[in-house]
Amino acid sequence: MDCIFCMIANKEIPSKVAYEDDKILCFHDLEPQAPVHVLIIPKKHIASLDEVQEEDKELLGHIMMMVPKIAESLGLENGYRLVNNCGEDGFQTVKHLHFHLLGKRKMIWPPG
């Protein structure tokens, strides 16, 4: 498989890890769009939210439960934005489910 996020999760490509457990990896984005910009990925390859299966409910719940803990560890006490891009029109550039966690600046709306 040529998935760059799978290679990062498998430690075949180095990354600046912010958090890791047996199910997920959180690492700093190489092209940050905010002072804090990390990506949260499941270690299991899932192409996008459109590809989530019933069996993935626990994994997705785990990701959502870890977001506030990761945000706190990164000093995002004044808030943050969690983004998932899905599909071509959603500007998903890597076909591996991932969430962008951004903070340490005022976010604007609408985002794009």
C-alpha atoms as a PDB file:
ATOM      1  CA  MET A   1       0.000   0.000   0.000  1.00  0.00           C
ATOM      2  CA  ASP A   2       1.312   3.434  -0.909  1.00  0.00           C
ATOM      3  CA  CYS A   3      -0.610   5.370   1.753  1.00  0.00           C
ATOM      4  CA  ILE A   4       1.676   8.016   3.254  1.00  0.00           C
ATOM      5  CA  PHE A   5      -0.314   8.105   6.519  1.00  0.00           C
ATOM      6  CA  CYS A   6      -0.061   4.314   6.886  1.00  0.00           C
ATOM      7  CA  MET A   7       3.693   4.654   6.395  1.00  0.00           C
ATOM      8  CA  ILE A   8       3.811   7.369   9.066  1.00  0.00           C
ATOM      9  CA  ALA A   9       1.709   5.231  11.440  1.00  0.00           C
ATOM     10  CA  ASN A  10       4.052   2.276  10.810  1.00  0.00           C
ATOM     11  CA  LYS A  11       7.119   4.486  11.481  1.00  0.00           C
ATOM     12  CA  GLU A  12       8.401   4.007   7.930  1.00  0.00           C
ATOM     13  CA  ILE A  13       8.367   7.801   7.542  1.00  0.00           C
ATOM     14  CA  PRO A  14       9.369  10.004  10.483  1.00  0.00           C
ATOM     15  CA  SER A  15       6.964  12.494  12.006  1.00  0.00           C
ATOM     16  CA  LYS A  16       6.862  14.851  14.965  1.00  0.00           C
ATOM     17  CA  VAL A  17       4.489  12.898  17.203  1.00  0.00           C
ATOM     18  CA  ALA A  18       2.194  14.838  19.539  1.00  0.00           C
ATOM     19  CA  TYR A  19       0.268  11.794  20.845  1.00  0.00           C
ATOM     20  CA  GLU A  20       0.150   8.080  20.175  1.00  0.00           C
ATOM     21  CA  ASP A  21      -1.646   5.044  21.526  1.00  0.00           C
ATOM     22  CA  ASP A  22      -2.472   1.612  20.126  1.00  0.00           C
ATOM     23  CA  LYS A  23      -5.324   2.944  17.940  1.00  0.00           C
ATOM     24  CA  ILE A  24      -4.341   6.438  16.792  1.00  0.00           C
ATOM     25  CA  LEU A  25      -1.399   8.667  15.970  1.00  0.00           C
ATOM     26  CA  CYS A  26      -1.335  12.445  16.220  1.00  0.00           C
ATOM     27  CA  PHE A  27       1.504  14.329  14.552  1.00  0.00           C
ATOM     28  CA  HIS A  28       2.378  17.885  13.562  1.00  0.00           C
ATOM     29  CA  ASP A  29       1.401  18.974  10.044  1.00  0.00           C
ATOM     30  CA  LEU A  30       4.334  19.779   7.742  1.00  0.00           C
ATOM     31  CA  GLU A  31       2.456  22.793   6.320  1.00  0.00           C
ATOM     32  CA  PRO A  32       0.729  24.258   9.379  1.00  0.00           C
ATOM     33  CA  GLN A  33      -2.239  26.570   8.848  1.00  0.00           C
ATOM     34  CA  ALA A  34      -2.220  27.756  12.479  1.00  0.00           C
ATOM     35  CA  PRO A  35       0.383  28.050  15.244  1.00  0.00           C
ATOM     36  CA  VAL A  36      -0.778  24.602  16.374  1.00  0.00           C
ATOM     37  CA  HIS A  37      -1.781  22.230  13.555  1.00  0.00           C
ATOM     38  CA  VAL A  38      -1.727  18.493  14.093  1.00  0.00           C
ATOM     39  CA  LEU A  39      -3.260  15.584  12.238  1.00  0.00           C
ATOM     40  CA  ILE A  40      -5.057  12.800  14.078  1.00  0.00           C
ATOM     41  CA  ILE A  41      -5.201   9.512  12.168  1.00  0.00           C
ATOM     42  CA  PRO A  42      -6.408   6.030  12.965  1.00  0.00           C
ATOM     43  CA  LYS A  43      -3.652   3.449  12.603  1.00  0.00           C
ATOM     44  CA  LYS A  44      -6.172   1.310  10.728  1.00  0.00           C
ATOM     45  CA  HIS A  45      -6.440   2.356   7.097  1.00  0.00           C
ATOM     46  CA  ILE A  46      -9.843   3.850   6.363  1.00  0.00           C
ATOM     47  CA  ALA A  47      -9.926   5.890   3.150  1.00  0.00           C
ATOM     48  CA  SER A  48     -12.433   8.527   4.325  1.00  0.00           C
ATOM     49  CA  LEU A  49     -15.550   9.062   6.420  1.00  0.00           C
ATOM     50  CA  ASP A  50     -17.463   7.679   3.435  1.00  0.00           C
ATOM     51  CA  GLU A  51     -15.668   4.352   3.963  1.00  0.00           C
ATOM     52  CA  VAL A  52     -16.369   3.962   7.703  1.00  0.00           C
ATOM     53  CA  GLN A  53     -17.948   0.629   8.613  1.00  0.00           C
ATOM     54  CA  GLU A  54     -20.105  -0.429  11.556  1.00  0.00           C
ATOM     55  CA  GLU A  55     -17.042  -2.105  13.064  1.00  0.00           C
ATOM     56  CA  ASP A  56     -15.264   1.285  13.201  1.00  0.00           C
ATOM     57  CA  LYS A  57     -17.669   2.884  15.706  1.00  0.00           C
ATOM     58  CA  GLU A  58     -15.423   2.223  18.695  1.00  0.00           C
ATOM     59  CA  LEU A  59     -12.360   3.570  16.872  1.00  0.00           C
ATOM     60  CA  LEU A  60     -14.160   6.773  15.844  1.00  0.00           C
ATOM     61  CA  GLY A  61     -15.483   7.192  19.376  1.00  0.00           C
ATOM     62  CA  HIS A  62     -11.951   6.778  20.695  1.00  0.00           C
ATOM     63  CA  ILE A  63     -10.674   9.482  18.352  1.00  0.00           C
ATOM     64  CA  MET A  64     -13.399  11.890  19.482  1.00  0.00           C
ATOM     65  CA  MET A  65     -12.736  11.127  23.159  1.00  0.00           C
ATOM     66  CA  MET A  66      -9.022  11.823  22.693  1.00  0.00           C
ATOM     67  CA  VAL A  67      -9.436  15.166  20.889  1.00  0.00           C
ATOM     68  CA  PRO A  68      -9.988  17.232  24.075  1.00  0.00           C
ATOM     69  CA  LYS A  69      -7.054  15.501  25.796  1.00  0.00           C
ATOM     70  CA  ILE A  70      -4.760  16.133  22.820  1.00  0.00           C
ATOM     71  CA  ALA A  71      -5.967  19.744  22.601  1.00  0.00           C
ATOM     72  CA  GLU A  72      -5.236  20.263  26.299  1.00  0.00           C
ATOM     73  CA  SER A  73      -1.758  18.755  25.952  1.00  0.00           C
ATOM     74  CA  LEU A  74      -1.066  21.233  23.137  1.00  0.00           C
ATOM     75  CA  GLY A  75      -2.176  24.216  25.211  1.00  0.00           C
ATOM     76  CA  LEU A  76      -5.375  24.940  23.306  1.00  0.00           C
ATOM     77  CA  GLU A  77      -7.215  26.247  26.369  1.00  0.00           C
ATOM     78  CA  ASN A  78      -9.005  29.019  24.426  1.00  0.00           C
ATOM     79  CA  GLY A  79     -10.516  26.645  21.883  1.00  0.00           C
ATOM     80  CA  TYR A  80      -9.640  24.900  18.668  1.00  0.00           C
ATOM     81  CA  ARG A  81     -11.056  23.742  15.363  1.00  0.00           C
ATOM     82  CA  LEU A  82     -11.379  20.104  14.327  1.00  0.00           C
ATOM     83  CA  VAL A  83     -11.696  19.566  10.563  1.00  0.00           C
ATOM     84  CA  ASN A  84     -12.276  16.521   8.388  1.00  0.00           C
ATOM     85  CA  ASN A  85     -12.014  16.884   4.622  1.00  0.00           C
ATOM     86  CA  CYS A  86     -13.951  14.213   2.746  1.00  0.00           C
ATOM     87  CA  GLY A  87     -13.724  13.565  -0.968  1.00  0.00           C
ATOM     88  CA  GLU A  88     -12.494  15.675  -3.845  1.00  0.00           C
ATOM     89  CA  ASP A  89     -14.840  18.632  -3.316  1.00  0.00           C
ATOM     90  CA  GLY A  90     -14.025  18.531   0.406  1.00  0.00           C
ATOM     91  CA  PHE A  91     -10.318  18.886  -0.517  1.00  0.00           C
ATOM     92  CA  GLN A  92      -9.247  15.534   0.909  1.00  0.00           C
ATOM     93  CA  THR A  93      -5.701  15.219  -0.431  1.00  0.00           C
ATOM     94  CA  VAL A  94      -4.655  12.033   1.402  1.00  0.00           C
ATOM     95  CA  LYS A  95      -7.004   9.064   1.089  1.00  0.00           C
ATOM     96  CA  HIS A  96      -6.656   8.039   4.747  1.00  0.00           C
ATOM     97  CA  LEU A  97      -9.181   9.262   7.304  1.00  0.00           C
ATOM     98  CA  HIS A  98      -7.676  12.142   9.259  1.00  0.00           C
ATOM     99  CA  PHE A  99      -8.697  15.086  11.347  1.00  0.00           C
ATOM    100  CA  HIS A 100      -6.933  18.445  11.445  1.00  0.00           C
ATOM    101  CA  LEU A 101      -6.742  19.950  14.933  1.00  0.00           C
ATOM    102  CA  LEU A 102      -5.908  23.662  14.700  1.00  0.00           C
ATOM    103  CA  GLY A 103      -5.495  26.306  17.359  1.00  0.00           C
ATOM    104  CA  LYS A 104      -3.596  29.137  19.027  1.00  0.00           C
ATOM    105  CA  ARG A 105      -5.195  31.701  16.724  1.00  0.00           C
ATOM    106  CA  LYS A 106      -8.673  33.108  16.145  1.00  0.00           C
ATOM    107  CA  MET A 107     -10.506  31.015  13.545  1.00  0.00           C
ATOM    108  CA  ILE A 108     -12.656  32.721  10.935  1.00  0.00           C
ATOM    109  CA  TRP A 109     -16.026  31.680   9.513  1.00  0.00           C
ATOM    110  CA  PRO A 110     -16.853  30.653   6.895  1.00  0.00           C
ATOM    111  CA  PRO A 111     -13.612  28.693   6.606  1.00  0.00           C
ATOM    112  CA  GLY A 112     -13.367  28.505   2.846  1.00  0.00           C
END
